[in-house]
Amino acid sequence: MKTGDSRRALGGNIGLDGEETNLGEGSLVIVSKAGFAENFSLHNAVMFGDETTTSLTLSLNFPIKTPVTGQTIVIPFVGGGVLLQPDDDWEAEPLVSGGVDIPIPPRFTGTVRVNVAFPEADETDLGLVLGVGYNLKLF
């Protein structure tokens, strides 16, 4: 993903652990990514479940390309940010995220993300997001 590229995706969140946020529960997800540079982007998601929850993550991307053509075949990423819950007076919880984007030429990308939120000092919520998105060229 280059500067000015963007993606919108539809997917699902599989709750793996915790019950303080939507991460720990199953939900429908609208996922997006905005590329600022090849190695830097904003990953976000809006989860629709018992409560609506939004995640915002600044991520470092590590594109892996084929040596012959230079085409990107997979993009692992890791980042940190916040999990926002408007139903709880917009509480912002710390969030760590990592995953992989898999380009599906010419205009689609599959994504797998693992998100870990820390809603309480001794609590963690863990979710796995799976989605497929359409790539857009913004500028």
N, C-alpha and C. Protein backbone atom coordinates (compact mmCIF):
# COMPACT_ATOMS: atom_id res chain seq x y z
N MET A 1 0.85 -1.17 0.00
CA MET A 1 0.00 0.00 0.00
C MET A 1 0.90 1.23 0.00
N LYS A 2 0.65 2.11 -0.93
CA LYS A 2 1.45 3.31 -1.08
C LYS A 2 0.74 4.50 -0.47
N THR A 3 1.45 5.63 -0.42
CA THR A 3 0.86 6.85 0.08
C THR A 3 -0.41 7.18 -0.70
N GLY A 4 -1.48 7.48 0.03
CA GLY A 4 -2.73 7.84 -0.61
C GLY A 4 -3.63 6.66 -0.91
N ASP A 5 -3.14 5.44 -0.70
CA ASP A 5 -3.98 4.26 -0.92
C ASP A 5 -4.83 4.01 0.31
N SER A 6 -5.98 3.40 0.07
CA SER A 6 -6.92 3.15 1.14
C SER A 6 -7.66 1.85 0.86
N ARG A 7 -8.22 1.27 1.90
CA ARG A 7 -9.01 0.06 1.74
C ARG A 7 -10.19 0.11 2.68
N ARG A 8 -11.34 -0.36 2.20
CA ARG A 8 -12.54 -0.54 3.01
C ARG A 8 -12.90 -2.01 2.92
N ALA A 9 -13.22 -2.62 4.06
CA ALA A 9 -13.48 -4.05 4.08
C ALA A 9 -14.64 -4.38 5.00
N LEU A 10 -15.22 -5.52 4.75
CA LEU A 10 -16.26 -6.06 5.60
C LEU A 10 -15.75 -7.38 6.15
N GLY A 11 -16.02 -7.61 7.42
CA GLY A 11 -15.53 -8.84 8.02
C GLY A 11 -16.23 -9.15 9.32
N GLY A 12 -15.58 -9.98 10.09
CA GLY A 12 -16.13 -10.39 11.37
C GLY A 12 -15.05 -10.44 12.42
N ASN A 13 -15.45 -10.24 13.67
CA ASN A 13 -14.56 -10.36 14.81
C ASN A 13 -14.95 -11.62 15.57
N ILE A 14 -13.97 -12.45 15.83
CA ILE A 14 -14.18 -13.65 16.64
C ILE A 14 -13.60 -13.36 18.02
N GLY A 15 -14.46 -13.27 19.03
CA GLY A 15 -14.00 -13.01 20.38
C GLY A 15 -13.27 -14.21 20.95
N LEU A 16 -12.05 -14.01 21.40
CA LEU A 16 -11.25 -15.11 21.92
C LEU A 16 -11.14 -15.09 23.44
N ASP A 17 -11.17 -13.89 24.04
CA ASP A 17 -11.04 -13.81 25.49
C ASP A 17 -11.53 -12.46 25.97
N GLY A 18 -12.12 -12.43 27.14
CA GLY A 18 -12.57 -11.19 27.76
C GLY A 18 -14.02 -10.89 27.46
N GLU A 19 -14.59 -10.02 28.28
CA GLU A 19 -15.99 -9.64 28.08
C GLU A 19 -16.26 -8.18 28.40
N GLU A 20 -15.21 -7.38 28.50
CA GLU A 20 -15.37 -5.96 28.80
C GLU A 20 -15.68 -5.14 27.54
N THR A 21 -15.21 -5.60 26.37
CA THR A 21 -15.40 -4.86 25.12
C THR A 21 -15.89 -5.83 24.04
N ASN A 22 -16.20 -5.29 22.87
CA ASN A 22 -16.61 -6.13 21.73
C ASN A 22 -15.50 -7.05 21.24
N LEU A 23 -14.25 -6.77 21.59
CA LEU A 23 -13.16 -7.65 21.15
C LEU A 23 -13.37 -9.07 21.66
N GLY A 24 -13.86 -9.21 22.88
CA GLY A 24 -14.06 -10.52 23.47
C GLY A 24 -15.33 -11.21 23.04
N GLU A 25 -16.11 -10.59 22.17
CA GLU A 25 -17.38 -11.14 21.70
C GLU A 25 -17.39 -11.14 20.17
N GLY A 26 -18.23 -11.94 19.57
CA GLY A 26 -18.37 -11.94 18.13
C GLY A 26 -19.10 -10.69 17.65
N SER A 27 -18.71 -10.17 16.50
CA SER A 27 -19.37 -8.98 15.97
C SER A 27 -19.07 -8.81 14.48
N LEU A 28 -19.93 -8.07 13.81
CA LEU A 28 -19.71 -7.65 12.44
C LEU A 28 -18.74 -6.48 12.47
N VAL A 29 -17.83 -6.41 11.49
CA VAL A 29 -16.79 -5.37 11.51
C VAL A 29 -16.67 -4.70 10.14
N ILE A 30 -16.56 -3.38 10.16
CA ILE A 30 -16.15 -2.63 8.98
C ILE A 30 -14.71 -2.21 9.24
N VAL A 31 -13.82 -2.66 8.38
CA VAL A 31 -12.39 -2.47 8.57
C VAL A 31 -11.89 -1.51 7.51
N SER A 32 -10.90 -0.67 7.87
CA SER A 32 -10.28 0.18 6.86
C SER A 32 -8.80 0.36 7.17
N LYS A 33 -8.11 0.80 6.14
CA LYS A 33 -6.67 1.08 6.26
C LYS A 33 -6.37 2.26 5.37
N ALA A 34 -5.62 3.22 5.89
CA ALA A 34 -5.17 4.37 5.11
C ALA A 34 -3.65 4.38 5.15
N GLY A 35 -3.03 4.34 3.97
CA GLY A 35 -1.57 4.32 3.89
C GLY A 35 -1.00 5.71 3.84
N PHE A 36 -0.06 5.98 4.76
CA PHE A 36 0.65 7.26 4.76
C PHE A 36 1.97 7.13 4.01
N ALA A 37 2.55 5.93 4.07
CA ALA A 37 3.77 5.57 3.37
C ALA A 37 3.76 4.06 3.24
N GLU A 38 4.71 3.51 2.51
CA GLU A 38 4.72 2.05 2.33
C GLU A 38 4.83 1.31 3.66
N ASN A 39 5.52 1.91 4.64
CA ASN A 39 5.74 1.23 5.92
C ASN A 39 4.96 1.83 7.09
N PHE A 40 3.99 2.70 6.83
CA PHE A 40 3.29 3.37 7.92
C PHE A 40 1.83 3.59 7.51
N SER A 41 0.90 3.18 8.38
CA SER A 41 -0.52 3.33 8.04
C SER A 41 -1.39 3.42 9.29
N LEU A 42 -2.64 3.77 9.05
CA LEU A 42 -3.64 3.81 10.10
C LEU A 42 -4.63 2.68 9.82
N HIS A 43 -4.69 1.71 10.73
CA HIS A 43 -5.68 0.63 10.65
C HIS A 43 -6.80 1.00 11.61
N ASN A 44 -8.03 0.90 11.15
CA ASN A 44 -9.14 1.11 12.07
C ASN A 44 -10.26 0.13 11.77
N ALA A 45 -11.15 0.00 12.73
CA ALA A 45 -12.28 -0.92 12.59
C ALA A 45 -13.43 -0.43 13.46
N VAL A 46 -14.63 -0.64 12.97
CA VAL A 46 -15.83 -0.37 13.76
C VAL A 46 -16.54 -1.71 13.92
N MET A 47 -16.73 -2.12 15.19
CA MET A 47 -17.35 -3.41 15.50
C MET A 47 -18.77 -3.18 15.99
N PHE A 48 -19.71 -3.91 15.37
CA PHE A 48 -21.12 -3.79 15.71
C PHE A 48 -21.56 -5.07 16.42
N GLY A 49 -21.81 -4.96 17.72
CA GLY A 49 -22.26 -6.10 18.51
C GLY A 49 -23.19 -5.58 19.59
N ASP A 50 -23.01 -6.06 20.82
CA ASP A 50 -23.81 -5.54 21.93
C ASP A 50 -23.60 -4.04 22.09
N GLU A 51 -22.38 -3.59 21.87
CA GLU A 51 -22.04 -2.18 21.87
C GLU A 51 -21.26 -1.91 20.59
N THR A 52 -21.28 -0.68 20.13
CA THR A 52 -20.44 -0.30 18.99
C THR A 52 -19.09 0.10 19.54
N THR A 53 -18.04 -0.43 18.96
CA THR A 53 -16.68 -0.18 19.42
C THR A 53 -15.83 0.19 18.22
N THR A 54 -14.93 1.15 18.39
CA THR A 54 -14.04 1.59 17.32
C THR A 54 -12.60 1.42 17.76
N SER A 55 -11.78 0.86 16.87
CA SER A 55 -10.34 0.76 17.15
C SER A 55 -9.58 1.64 16.17
N LEU A 56 -8.57 2.33 16.66
CA LEU A 56 -7.68 3.16 15.86
C LEU A 56 -6.25 2.75 16.19
N THR A 57 -5.50 2.32 15.17
CA THR A 57 -4.15 1.82 15.41
C THR A 57 -3.19 2.40 14.38
N LEU A 58 -2.10 3.00 14.85
CA LEU A 58 -1.00 3.40 13.97
C LEU A 58 -0.09 2.19 13.83
N SER A 59 0.20 1.80 12.59
CA SER A 59 0.90 0.55 12.36
C SER A 59 2.15 0.72 11.52
N LEU A 60 3.13 -0.11 11.83
CA LEU A 60 4.30 -0.27 10.98
C LEU A 60 4.05 -1.47 10.09
N ASN A 61 4.26 -1.30 8.79
CA ASN A 61 4.04 -2.36 7.81
C ASN A 61 5.39 -2.90 7.35
N PHE A 62 5.44 -4.19 7.08
CA PHE A 62 6.66 -4.84 6.63
C PHE A 62 6.36 -5.62 5.34
N PRO A 63 6.19 -4.91 4.20
CA PRO A 63 5.80 -5.58 2.97
C PRO A 63 6.86 -6.59 2.52
N ILE A 64 6.39 -7.76 2.12
CA ILE A 64 7.26 -8.80 1.57
C ILE A 64 6.94 -8.90 0.08
N LYS A 65 7.99 -8.74 -0.73
CA LYS A 65 7.80 -8.69 -2.19
C LYS A 65 8.53 -9.86 -2.85
N THR A 66 8.04 -10.22 -4.03
CA THR A 66 8.74 -11.24 -4.79
C THR A 66 10.03 -10.64 -5.34
N PRO A 67 11.12 -11.39 -5.31
CA PRO A 67 12.39 -10.83 -5.79
C PRO A 67 12.40 -10.57 -7.30
N VAL A 68 11.64 -11.33 -8.05
CA VAL A 68 11.68 -11.21 -9.50
C VAL A 68 10.86 -10.00 -9.98
N THR A 69 9.60 -9.90 -9.56
CA THR A 69 8.72 -8.83 -10.07
C THR A 69 8.62 -7.64 -9.14
N GLY A 70 8.95 -7.82 -7.87
CA GLY A 70 8.80 -6.73 -6.92
C GLY A 70 7.38 -6.53 -6.44
N GLN A 71 6.48 -7.45 -6.83
CA GLN A 71 5.08 -7.36 -6.42
C GLN A 71 4.94 -7.77 -4.95
N THR A 72 4.14 -7.00 -4.19
CA THR A 72 3.90 -7.31 -2.79
C THR A 72 3.01 -8.54 -2.69
N ILE A 73 3.46 -9.53 -1.90
CA ILE A 73 2.68 -10.76 -1.76
C ILE A 73 2.02 -10.87 -0.40
N VAL A 74 2.58 -10.21 0.61
CA VAL A 74 2.00 -10.23 1.96
C VAL A 74 2.56 -9.03 2.73
N ILE A 75 1.72 -8.47 3.62
CA ILE A 75 2.14 -7.29 4.39
C ILE A 75 1.87 -7.54 5.88
N PRO A 76 2.83 -8.08 6.62
CA PRO A 76 2.67 -8.18 8.07
C PRO A 76 2.71 -6.76 8.67
N PHE A 77 1.99 -6.56 9.77
CA PHE A 77 1.99 -5.25 10.43
C PHE A 77 1.83 -5.41 11.94
N VAL A 78 2.28 -4.40 12.65
CA VAL A 78 2.13 -4.36 14.10
C VAL A 78 1.96 -2.89 14.50
N GLY A 79 1.15 -2.65 15.53
CA GLY A 79 0.93 -1.27 15.94
C GLY A 79 0.23 -1.15 17.27
N GLY A 80 0.02 0.07 17.66
CA GLY A 80 -0.66 0.37 18.91
C GLY A 80 -1.60 1.53 18.73
N GLY A 81 -2.58 1.60 19.62
CA GLY A 81 -3.55 2.68 19.52
C GLY A 81 -4.56 2.62 20.64
N VAL A 82 -5.81 2.93 20.31
CA VAL A 82 -6.87 2.99 21.32
C VAL A 82 -8.11 2.25 20.83
N LEU A 83 -8.87 1.77 21.79
CA LEU A 83 -10.19 1.19 21.55
C LEU A 83 -11.19 2.14 22.18
N LEU A 84 -12.10 2.67 21.36
CA LEU A 84 -13.08 3.66 21.83
C LEU A 84 -14.45 3.00 21.95
N GLN A 85 -15.13 3.27 23.07
CA GLN A 85 -16.47 2.74 23.30
C GLN A 85 -17.42 3.90 23.59
N PRO A 86 -18.19 4.33 22.58
CA PRO A 86 -19.08 5.48 22.78
C PRO A 86 -20.16 5.23 23.81
N ASP A 87 -20.57 3.97 23.99
CA ASP A 87 -21.60 3.67 24.98
C ASP A 87 -21.13 3.87 26.41
N ASP A 88 -19.82 3.93 26.59
CA ASP A 88 -19.23 4.14 27.92
C ASP A 88 -18.59 5.51 28.01
N ASP A 89 -19.29 6.54 27.54
CA ASP A 89 -18.79 7.92 27.56
C ASP A 89 -17.45 8.05 26.84
N TRP A 90 -17.30 7.33 25.73
CA TRP A 90 -16.11 7.39 24.89
C TRP A 90 -14.83 7.05 25.64
N GLU A 91 -14.90 6.05 26.48
CA GLU A 91 -13.68 5.60 27.15
C GLU A 91 -12.67 5.14 26.12
N ALA A 92 -11.41 5.50 26.32
CA ALA A 92 -10.33 5.09 25.43
C ALA A 92 -9.45 4.09 26.17
N GLU A 93 -9.41 2.87 25.65
CA GLU A 93 -8.62 1.80 26.27
C GLU A 93 -7.38 1.55 25.40
N PRO A 94 -6.22 1.26 26.03
CA PRO A 94 -5.02 0.94 25.24
C PRO A 94 -5.25 -0.31 24.39
N LEU A 95 -4.65 -0.32 23.20
CA LEU A 95 -4.85 -1.41 22.24
C LEU A 95 -3.53 -1.72 21.53
N VAL A 96 -3.25 -3.01 21.38
CA VAL A 96 -2.12 -3.49 20.59
C VAL A 96 -2.70 -4.37 19.49
N SER A 97 -2.18 -4.21 18.27
CA SER A 97 -2.73 -4.95 17.14
C SER A 97 -1.60 -5.46 16.25
N GLY A 98 -1.82 -6.60 15.66
CA GLY A 98 -0.87 -7.15 14.70
C GLY A 98 -1.62 -8.05 13.75
N GLY A 99 -1.05 -8.22 12.57
CA GLY A 99 -1.72 -9.08 11.61
C GLY A 99 -1.01 -9.11 10.30
N VAL A 100 -1.78 -9.48 9.29
CA VAL A 100 -1.23 -9.58 7.95
C VAL A 100 -2.32 -9.21 6.93
N ASP A 101 -1.90 -8.43 5.93
CA ASP A 101 -2.75 -8.12 4.79
C ASP A 101 -2.22 -8.93 3.61
N ILE A 102 -3.15 -9.53 2.85
CA ILE A 102 -2.77 -10.36 1.72
C ILE A 102 -3.43 -9.79 0.47
N PRO A 103 -2.64 -9.14 -0.42
CA PRO A 103 -3.21 -8.60 -1.65
C PRO A 103 -3.80 -9.71 -2.53
N ILE A 104 -5.00 -9.44 -3.06
CA ILE A 104 -5.66 -10.33 -4.01
C ILE A 104 -5.85 -9.50 -5.28
N PRO A 105 -4.86 -9.54 -6.17
CA PRO A 105 -4.90 -8.66 -7.35
C PRO A 105 -6.17 -8.85 -8.16
N PRO A 106 -6.65 -7.79 -8.82
CA PRO A 106 -6.01 -6.49 -8.88
C PRO A 106 -6.52 -5.49 -7.84
N ARG A 107 -7.72 -5.67 -7.24
CA ARG A 107 -8.29 -4.60 -6.42
C ARG A 107 -8.71 -5.01 -5.01
N PHE A 108 -8.42 -6.22 -4.55
CA PHE A 108 -8.89 -6.67 -3.25
C PHE A 108 -7.73 -7.01 -2.33
N THR A 109 -8.01 -7.04 -1.03
CA THR A 109 -7.03 -7.44 -0.03
C THR A 109 -7.75 -8.20 1.08
N GLY A 110 -7.19 -9.32 1.47
CA GLY A 110 -7.67 -10.05 2.64
C GLY A 110 -6.90 -9.57 3.86
N THR A 111 -7.53 -9.57 5.01
CA THR A 111 -6.85 -9.13 6.22
C THR A 111 -7.17 -10.06 7.39
N VAL A 112 -6.16 -10.29 8.20
CA VAL A 112 -6.30 -11.03 9.45
C VAL A 112 -5.61 -10.18 10.52
N ARG A 113 -6.33 -9.88 11.59
CA ARG A 113 -5.78 -9.04 12.65
C ARG A 113 -6.05 -9.67 14.00
N VAL A 114 -5.09 -9.57 14.89
CA VAL A 114 -5.29 -9.94 16.28
C VAL A 114 -5.20 -8.64 17.08
N ASN A 115 -6.25 -8.35 17.86
CA ASN A 115 -6.31 -7.14 18.68
C ASN A 115 -6.37 -7.52 20.15
N VAL A 116 -5.57 -6.82 20.94
CA VAL A 116 -5.59 -7.01 22.39
C VAL A 116 -5.82 -5.66 23.04
N ALA A 117 -6.90 -5.55 23.82
CA ALA A 117 -7.22 -4.31 24.54
C ALA A 117 -7.03 -4.56 26.03
N PHE A 118 -6.79 -3.48 26.75
CA PHE A 118 -6.56 -3.54 28.19
C PHE A 118 -7.57 -2.64 28.90
N PRO A 119 -8.85 -3.09 29.02
CA PRO A 119 -9.91 -2.25 29.58
C PRO A 119 -9.76 -1.99 31.08
N GLU A 120 -9.15 -2.87 31.81
CA GLU A 120 -8.92 -2.72 33.25
C GLU A 120 -7.47 -3.09 33.52
N ALA A 121 -6.96 -2.70 34.68
CA ALA A 121 -5.57 -2.97 35.01
C ALA A 121 -5.23 -4.46 34.97
N ASP A 122 -6.16 -5.30 35.37
CA ASP A 122 -5.90 -6.74 35.41
C ASP A 122 -6.71 -7.53 34.38
N GLU A 123 -7.25 -6.85 33.38
CA GLU A 123 -8.09 -7.49 32.36
C GLU A 123 -7.50 -7.29 30.97
N THR A 124 -7.73 -8.27 30.09
CA THR A 124 -7.42 -8.12 28.68
C THR A 124 -8.58 -8.69 27.87
N ASP A 125 -8.86 -8.08 26.74
CA ASP A 125 -9.83 -8.59 25.78
C ASP A 125 -9.08 -8.89 24.50
N LEU A 126 -9.38 -10.03 23.90
CA LEU A 126 -8.65 -10.50 22.73
C LEU A 126 -9.63 -10.87 21.63
N GLY A 127 -9.37 -10.39 20.41
CA GLY A 127 -10.24 -10.70 19.28
C GLY A 127 -9.45 -10.93 18.01
N LEU A 128 -10.02 -11.74 17.14
CA LEU A 128 -9.44 -12.05 15.84
C LEU A 128 -10.38 -11.50 14.77
N VAL A 129 -9.88 -10.60 13.93
CA VAL A 129 -10.68 -10.00 12.86
C VAL A 129 -10.27 -10.61 11.53
N LEU A 130 -11.26 -11.05 10.76
CA LEU A 130 -11.05 -11.59 9.42
C LEU A 130 -11.89 -10.76 8.46
N GLY A 131 -11.32 -10.34 7.34
CA GLY A 131 -12.09 -9.54 6.40
C GLY A 131 -11.52 -9.55 5.00
N VAL A 132 -12.32 -9.08 4.06
CA VAL A 132 -11.90 -8.89 2.66
C VAL A 132 -12.33 -7.49 2.26
N GLY A 133 -11.39 -6.74 1.67
CA GLY A 133 -11.68 -5.36 1.33
C GLY A 133 -11.35 -4.99 -0.09
N TYR A 134 -11.90 -3.86 -0.50
CA TYR A 134 -11.69 -3.28 -1.82
C TYR A 134 -10.68 -2.16 -1.70
N ASN A 135 -9.67 -2.15 -2.56
CA ASN A 135 -8.62 -1.13 -2.54
C ASN A 135 -9.03 0.10 -3.33
N LEU A 136 -8.77 1.27 -2.77
CA LEU A 136 -9.10 2.55 -3.40
C LEU A 136 -7.82 3.36 -3.55
N LYS A 137 -7.74 4.16 -4.57
CA LYS A 137 -6.65 5.11 -4.75
C LYS A 137 -7.22 6.49 -4.48
N LEU A 138 -6.79 7.12 -3.36
CA LEU A 138 -7.36 8.41 -2.97
C LEU A 138 -6.73 9.58 -3.70
N PHE A 139 -5.41 9.55 -3.85
CA PHE A 139 -4.71 10.63 -4.56
C PHE A 139 -3.38 10.17 -5.05
